[in-house]
């Protein structure tokens, strides 16, 4: 599996946690700097972030990809939309959380969320 990381760097412990949760080995992490200039229009900047991910159209649609989203919610919304357009489905994402009581502060993988499965479940409810 490939992780596209738009957030803080992932540690080896994080990658191990992701492998345990998914049952897949992490083959590659693509690091994308997601700094945004808030005084400029957001959509072109977010799309440029995705353009920095060096994957072919075929790879977007066929590889096992998990996304570590940036914390800026507006950027995240645009990225999910753009990724859906390139993959043909909603991405699977990583949710991180602070480790309780850790000093200095550090984070752990809380869960892996399959947004496409959530969408399909919502559609089943909405169409019933």
N, C-alpha and C. Protein backbone atom coordinates (compact mmCIF):
# COMPACT_ATOMS: atom_id res chain seq x y z
N UNK A 1 0.84 -1.17 0.00
CA UNK A 1 0.00 0.00 0.00
C UNK A 1 0.88 1.23 0.00
N UNK A 2 0.33 2.30 -0.55
CA UNK A 2 1.02 3.59 -0.59
C UNK A 2 0.27 4.55 0.31
N UNK A 3 1.02 5.30 1.10
CA UNK A 3 0.43 6.36 1.92
C UNK A 3 0.82 7.69 1.31
N UNK A 4 -0.18 8.54 1.08
CA UNK A 4 0.08 9.91 0.67
C UNK A 4 -0.13 10.76 1.91
N UNK A 5 0.95 11.39 2.36
CA UNK A 5 0.95 12.09 3.64
C UNK A 5 0.96 13.60 3.43
N UNK A 6 -0.16 14.25 3.76
CA UNK A 6 -0.27 15.70 3.69
C UNK A 6 -0.11 16.34 5.07
N UNK A 7 0.26 15.57 6.07
CA UNK A 7 0.33 16.06 7.45
C UNK A 7 1.76 15.93 7.97
N UNK A 8 1.88 15.91 9.30
CA UNK A 8 3.19 15.76 9.93
C UNK A 8 3.80 14.42 9.52
N UNK A 9 5.12 14.33 9.53
CA UNK A 9 5.76 13.06 9.15
C UNK A 9 5.27 11.89 9.99
N UNK A 10 5.16 10.74 9.36
CA UNK A 10 4.77 9.51 10.05
C UNK A 10 6.03 8.79 10.51
N UNK A 11 6.00 8.26 11.72
CA UNK A 11 7.14 7.52 12.26
C UNK A 11 7.05 6.05 11.85
N UNK A 12 8.10 5.32 12.12
CA UNK A 12 8.07 3.87 11.87
C UNK A 12 6.99 3.20 12.71
N UNK A 13 6.78 3.69 13.94
CA UNK A 13 5.70 3.15 14.77
C UNK A 13 4.34 3.37 14.11
N UNK A 14 4.13 4.55 13.56
CA UNK A 14 2.87 4.83 12.85
C UNK A 14 2.68 3.86 11.69
N UNK A 15 3.73 3.67 10.91
CA UNK A 15 3.64 2.77 9.75
C UNK A 15 3.35 1.34 10.19
N UNK A 16 3.97 0.92 11.29
CA UNK A 16 3.69 -0.41 11.84
C UNK A 16 2.23 -0.52 12.27
N UNK A 17 1.72 0.51 12.95
CA UNK A 17 0.31 0.51 13.38
C UNK A 17 -0.63 0.41 12.17
N UNK A 18 -0.32 1.16 11.12
CA UNK A 18 -1.15 1.13 9.91
C UNK A 18 -1.12 -0.26 9.28
N UNK A 19 0.04 -0.88 9.23
CA UNK A 19 0.16 -2.23 8.68
C UNK A 19 -0.65 -3.24 9.48
N UNK A 20 -0.61 -3.12 10.81
CA UNK A 20 -1.37 -4.04 11.66
C UNK A 20 -2.87 -3.86 11.43
N UNK A 21 -3.32 -2.61 11.40
CA UNK A 21 -4.76 -2.34 11.23
C UNK A 21 -5.26 -2.80 9.87
N UNK A 22 -4.49 -2.54 8.81
CA UNK A 22 -4.94 -2.86 7.45
C UNK A 22 -4.60 -4.27 7.01
N UNK A 23 -3.60 -4.87 7.64
CA UNK A 23 -3.14 -6.18 7.19
C UNK A 23 -2.32 -6.11 5.92
N UNK A 24 -1.88 -4.92 5.55
CA UNK A 24 -1.05 -4.72 4.35
C UNK A 24 0.26 -4.06 4.74
N UNK A 25 1.29 -4.35 3.97
CA UNK A 25 2.58 -3.69 4.17
C UNK A 25 2.58 -2.32 3.51
N UNK A 26 3.20 -1.36 4.18
CA UNK A 26 3.38 -0.04 3.60
C UNK A 26 4.59 -0.12 2.68
N UNK A 27 4.35 0.04 1.40
CA UNK A 27 5.43 -0.03 0.41
C UNK A 27 6.14 1.30 0.22
N UNK A 28 5.37 2.38 0.36
CA UNK A 28 5.92 3.70 0.05
C UNK A 28 5.10 4.77 0.75
N UNK A 29 5.78 5.83 1.21
CA UNK A 29 5.11 7.00 1.75
C UNK A 29 5.50 8.18 0.87
N UNK A 30 4.50 8.84 0.32
CA UNK A 30 4.72 10.03 -0.49
C UNK A 30 4.42 11.24 0.39
N UNK A 31 5.43 12.02 0.69
CA UNK A 31 5.29 13.19 1.56
C UNK A 31 4.98 14.42 0.71
N UNK A 32 3.89 15.10 1.02
CA UNK A 32 3.49 16.31 0.31
C UNK A 32 3.36 17.45 1.32
N UNK A 33 4.12 18.51 1.11
CA UNK A 33 4.05 19.68 1.98
C UNK A 33 2.71 20.38 1.72
N UNK A 34 1.88 20.48 2.75
CA UNK A 34 0.53 21.02 2.56
C UNK A 34 0.37 22.43 3.11
N UNK A 35 1.45 23.19 3.16
CA UNK A 35 1.32 24.57 3.61
C UNK A 35 0.48 25.36 2.61
N UNK A 36 -0.46 26.10 3.14
CA UNK A 36 -1.41 26.86 2.34
C UNK A 36 -1.23 28.35 2.65
N UNK A 37 -1.32 29.16 1.62
CA UNK A 37 -1.30 30.61 1.78
C UNK A 37 -2.76 31.06 1.94
N UNK A 38 -3.15 31.37 3.16
CA UNK A 38 -4.56 31.64 3.46
C UNK A 38 -5.08 32.91 2.81
N UNK A 39 -4.22 33.78 2.36
CA UNK A 39 -4.67 35.02 1.71
C UNK A 39 -4.96 34.81 0.22
N UNK A 40 -4.70 33.62 -0.29
CA UNK A 40 -4.94 33.31 -1.70
C UNK A 40 -6.05 32.28 -1.84
N UNK A 41 -6.67 32.20 -3.04
CA UNK A 41 -7.73 31.20 -3.25
C UNK A 41 -7.24 29.79 -2.92
N UNK A 42 -8.08 29.04 -2.25
CA UNK A 42 -7.67 27.73 -1.72
C UNK A 42 -7.72 26.61 -2.75
N UNK A 43 -8.77 26.54 -3.55
CA UNK A 43 -8.93 25.40 -4.47
C UNK A 43 -7.72 25.19 -5.37
N UNK A 44 -7.19 26.22 -6.04
CA UNK A 44 -6.02 25.97 -6.89
C UNK A 44 -4.81 25.44 -6.11
N UNK A 45 -4.66 25.90 -4.87
CA UNK A 45 -3.54 25.43 -4.05
C UNK A 45 -3.71 23.96 -3.67
N UNK A 46 -4.93 23.58 -3.29
CA UNK A 46 -5.18 22.19 -2.91
C UNK A 46 -5.01 21.26 -4.11
N UNK A 47 -5.49 21.69 -5.27
CA UNK A 47 -5.34 20.88 -6.48
C UNK A 47 -3.86 20.75 -6.83
N UNK A 48 -3.10 21.81 -6.62
CA UNK A 48 -1.65 21.74 -6.87
C UNK A 48 -0.98 20.72 -5.95
N UNK A 49 -1.48 20.60 -4.71
CA UNK A 49 -0.93 19.58 -3.80
C UNK A 49 -1.10 18.20 -4.40
N UNK A 50 -2.28 17.91 -4.92
CA UNK A 50 -2.54 16.61 -5.55
C UNK A 50 -1.68 16.44 -6.79
N UNK A 51 -1.52 17.51 -7.54
CA UNK A 51 -0.67 17.44 -8.74
C UNK A 51 0.77 17.09 -8.39
N UNK A 52 1.20 17.39 -7.15
CA UNK A 52 2.56 17.05 -6.71
C UNK A 52 2.73 15.57 -6.38
N UNK A 53 1.63 14.84 -6.31
CA UNK A 53 1.69 13.39 -6.10
C UNK A 53 1.98 12.76 -7.45
N UNK A 54 3.14 12.17 -7.58
CA UNK A 54 3.57 11.64 -8.88
C UNK A 54 3.00 10.23 -9.05
N UNK A 55 1.74 10.18 -9.49
CA UNK A 55 1.08 8.92 -9.83
C UNK A 55 0.39 9.10 -11.18
N UNK A 56 0.41 8.06 -11.96
CA UNK A 56 -0.27 8.10 -13.25
C UNK A 56 -1.78 7.94 -13.04
N UNK A 57 -2.56 8.20 -14.08
CA UNK A 57 -4.02 7.99 -13.99
C UNK A 57 -4.31 6.54 -13.61
N UNK A 58 -3.57 5.63 -14.21
CA UNK A 58 -3.77 4.21 -13.91
C UNK A 58 -3.44 3.90 -12.45
N UNK A 59 -2.34 4.44 -11.94
CA UNK A 59 -1.95 4.19 -10.54
C UNK A 59 -2.99 4.74 -9.56
N UNK A 60 -3.53 5.93 -9.84
CA UNK A 60 -4.57 6.49 -8.98
C UNK A 60 -5.74 5.52 -8.87
N UNK A 61 -6.04 4.83 -9.95
CA UNK A 61 -7.22 3.98 -10.00
C UNK A 61 -6.96 2.53 -9.58
N UNK A 62 -5.70 2.10 -9.52
CA UNK A 62 -5.44 0.69 -9.27
C UNK A 62 -4.62 0.39 -8.01
N UNK A 63 -3.85 1.34 -7.52
CA UNK A 63 -3.01 1.09 -6.35
C UNK A 63 -3.82 1.17 -5.06
N UNK A 64 -3.34 0.47 -4.06
CA UNK A 64 -3.92 0.55 -2.72
C UNK A 64 -3.32 1.80 -2.05
N UNK A 65 -4.17 2.83 -1.88
CA UNK A 65 -3.71 4.13 -1.39
C UNK A 65 -4.48 4.51 -0.13
N UNK A 66 -3.75 5.00 0.86
CA UNK A 66 -4.35 5.56 2.07
C UNK A 66 -3.83 6.99 2.20
N UNK A 67 -4.71 7.88 2.65
CA UNK A 67 -4.37 9.30 2.73
C UNK A 67 -4.28 9.74 4.19
N UNK A 68 -3.20 10.45 4.52
CA UNK A 68 -3.10 11.14 5.80
C UNK A 68 -3.36 12.62 5.50
N UNK A 69 -4.57 13.07 5.85
CA UNK A 69 -5.04 14.39 5.46
C UNK A 69 -4.41 15.51 6.29
N UNK A 70 -4.36 16.71 5.72
CA UNK A 70 -3.90 17.87 6.51
C UNK A 70 -4.98 18.27 7.51
N UNK A 71 -4.62 19.06 8.49
CA UNK A 71 -5.59 19.44 9.52
C UNK A 71 -6.50 20.59 9.09
N UNK A 72 -6.14 21.37 8.11
CA UNK A 72 -6.99 22.47 7.67
C UNK A 72 -8.21 21.91 6.95
N UNK A 73 -9.38 22.05 7.56
CA UNK A 73 -10.58 21.38 7.07
C UNK A 73 -10.97 21.77 5.65
N UNK A 74 -10.78 23.00 5.26
CA UNK A 74 -11.15 23.41 3.91
C UNK A 74 -10.26 22.73 2.87
N UNK A 75 -8.99 22.65 3.16
CA UNK A 75 -8.07 21.96 2.26
C UNK A 75 -8.45 20.50 2.15
N UNK A 76 -8.77 19.88 3.29
CA UNK A 76 -9.15 18.48 3.32
C UNK A 76 -10.37 18.21 2.43
N UNK A 77 -11.37 19.07 2.51
CA UNK A 77 -12.58 18.88 1.70
C UNK A 77 -12.25 18.91 0.21
N UNK A 78 -11.41 19.84 -0.19
CA UNK A 78 -11.03 19.94 -1.60
C UNK A 78 -10.19 18.73 -2.02
N UNK A 79 -9.26 18.31 -1.16
CA UNK A 79 -8.42 17.16 -1.48
C UNK A 79 -9.26 15.90 -1.67
N UNK A 80 -10.23 15.69 -0.78
CA UNK A 80 -11.08 14.49 -0.91
C UNK A 80 -11.85 14.53 -2.22
N UNK A 81 -12.36 15.69 -2.58
CA UNK A 81 -13.08 15.84 -3.84
C UNK A 81 -12.17 15.54 -5.03
N UNK A 82 -10.97 16.09 -5.01
CA UNK A 82 -10.02 15.89 -6.11
C UNK A 82 -9.56 14.43 -6.20
N UNK A 83 -9.32 13.81 -5.05
CA UNK A 83 -8.90 12.40 -5.03
C UNK A 83 -10.03 11.52 -5.57
N UNK A 84 -11.26 11.81 -5.17
CA UNK A 84 -12.40 11.05 -5.68
C UNK A 84 -12.46 11.14 -7.20
N UNK A 85 -12.23 12.32 -7.73
CA UNK A 85 -12.23 12.50 -9.18
C UNK A 85 -11.14 11.72 -9.88
N UNK A 86 -10.00 11.56 -9.24
CA UNK A 86 -8.89 10.84 -9.86
C UNK A 86 -8.99 9.33 -9.68
N UNK A 87 -9.51 8.89 -8.55
CA UNK A 87 -9.60 7.45 -8.25
C UNK A 87 -10.91 6.84 -8.71
N UNK A 88 -11.98 7.64 -8.68
CA UNK A 88 -13.29 7.11 -8.98
C UNK A 88 -14.02 6.63 -7.74
N UNK A 89 -13.44 6.84 -6.57
CA UNK A 89 -14.05 6.45 -5.30
C UNK A 89 -13.46 7.33 -4.20
N UNK A 90 -14.12 7.35 -3.06
CA UNK A 90 -13.60 8.12 -1.93
C UNK A 90 -12.42 7.38 -1.31
N UNK A 91 -11.45 8.13 -0.81
CA UNK A 91 -10.25 7.48 -0.27
C UNK A 91 -10.44 6.89 1.12
N UNK A 92 -9.51 6.05 1.48
CA UNK A 92 -9.36 5.58 2.85
C UNK A 92 -8.39 6.53 3.53
N UNK A 93 -8.72 6.92 4.76
CA UNK A 93 -7.92 7.92 5.44
C UNK A 93 -7.42 7.42 6.80
N UNK A 94 -6.40 8.08 7.30
CA UNK A 94 -5.82 7.79 8.61
C UNK A 94 -6.31 8.85 9.60
N UNK A 95 -6.77 8.40 10.77
CA UNK A 95 -7.09 9.35 11.84
C UNK A 95 -6.05 9.18 12.94
N UNK A 96 -5.38 10.27 13.23
CA UNK A 96 -4.38 10.29 14.28
C UNK A 96 -5.00 10.89 15.54
N UNK A 97 -4.44 10.54 16.70
CA UNK A 97 -4.88 11.14 17.96
C UNK A 97 -3.67 11.29 18.88
N UNK A 98 -3.74 12.25 19.81
CA UNK A 98 -2.63 12.40 20.77
C UNK A 98 -2.59 11.19 21.70
N UNK A 99 -1.39 10.80 22.07
CA UNK A 99 -1.21 9.75 23.07
C UNK A 99 -1.46 10.40 24.43
N UNK A 100 -2.44 9.88 25.15
CA UNK A 100 -2.83 10.46 26.43
C UNK A 100 -1.66 10.43 27.42
N UNK A 101 -1.38 11.60 27.98
CA UNK A 101 -0.36 11.71 29.01
C UNK A 101 1.08 11.71 28.51
N UNK A 102 1.28 11.66 27.20
CA UNK A 102 2.64 11.61 26.67
C UNK A 102 3.32 12.97 26.75
N UNK A 103 4.53 12.96 27.28
CA UNK A 103 5.35 14.17 27.31
C UNK A 103 6.72 13.83 26.76
N UNK A 104 7.20 14.49 25.75
CA UNK A 104 6.49 15.51 24.99
C UNK A 104 5.32 14.90 24.21
N UNK A 105 4.45 15.78 23.72
CA UNK A 105 3.27 15.32 22.99
C UNK A 105 3.68 14.47 21.79
N UNK A 106 2.95 13.39 21.59
CA UNK A 106 3.15 12.56 20.40
C UNK A 106 1.81 11.97 19.99
N UNK A 107 1.77 11.42 18.81
CA UNK A 107 0.51 10.95 18.24
C UNK A 107 0.59 9.48 17.88
N UNK A 108 -0.58 8.85 17.82
CA UNK A 108 -0.69 7.46 17.41
C UNK A 108 -1.80 7.35 16.38
N UNK A 109 -1.81 6.23 15.67
CA UNK A 109 -2.87 5.97 14.71
C UNK A 109 -4.09 5.53 15.49
N UNK A 110 -5.17 6.28 15.37
CA UNK A 110 -6.41 5.95 16.08
C UNK A 110 -7.23 4.94 15.29
N UNK A 111 -7.34 5.15 13.99
CA UNK A 111 -8.11 4.24 13.15
C UNK A 111 -7.86 4.56 11.68
N UNK A 112 -8.24 3.61 10.86
CA UNK A 112 -8.24 3.77 9.41
C UNK A 112 -9.71 3.82 9.00
N UNK A 113 -10.09 4.87 8.26
CA UNK A 113 -11.50 5.08 7.93
C UNK A 113 -11.69 4.95 6.42
N UNK A 114 -12.54 4.03 6.03
CA UNK A 114 -12.87 3.79 4.62
C UNK A 114 -14.05 4.68 4.24
N UNK A 115 -13.76 5.85 3.66
CA UNK A 115 -14.81 6.80 3.33
C UNK A 115 -15.78 6.26 2.28
N UNK A 116 -15.28 5.43 1.36
CA UNK A 116 -16.16 4.86 0.34
C UNK A 116 -17.19 3.93 0.97
N UNK A 117 -16.76 3.13 1.93
CA UNK A 117 -17.70 2.23 2.62
C UNK A 117 -18.74 3.04 3.39
N UNK A 118 -18.33 4.14 4.00
CA UNK A 118 -19.28 5.01 4.71
C UNK A 118 -20.28 5.61 3.73
N UNK A 119 -19.80 6.03 2.56
CA UNK A 119 -20.68 6.59 1.54
C UNK A 119 -21.71 5.56 1.10
N UNK A 120 -21.24 4.34 0.84
CA UNK A 120 -22.15 3.28 0.37
C UNK A 120 -23.20 2.95 1.43
N UNK A 121 -22.80 2.93 2.69
CA UNK A 121 -23.76 2.67 3.77
C UNK A 121 -24.78 3.80 3.86
N UNK A 122 -24.33 5.03 3.68
CA UNK A 122 -25.25 6.17 3.72
C UNK A 122 -26.22 6.14 2.56
N UNK A 123 -25.72 5.74 1.39
CA UNK A 123 -26.61 5.64 0.21
C UNK A 123 -27.68 4.57 0.45
N UNK A 124 -27.29 3.46 1.07
CA UNK A 124 -28.26 2.40 1.33
C UNK A 124 -29.35 2.90 2.28
N UNK A 125 -28.98 3.70 3.26
CA UNK A 125 -29.96 4.26 4.18
C UNK A 125 -30.85 5.28 3.47
N UNK A 126 -30.23 6.11 2.64
CA UNK A 126 -30.96 7.18 1.98
C UNK A 126 -31.90 6.69 0.89
N UNK A 127 -31.64 5.54 0.32
CA UNK A 127 -32.45 5.03 -0.76
C UNK A 127 -33.51 4.07 -0.28
N UNK A 128 -33.51 3.74 1.00
CA UNK A 128 -34.46 2.76 1.55
C UNK A 128 -35.84 3.35 1.69
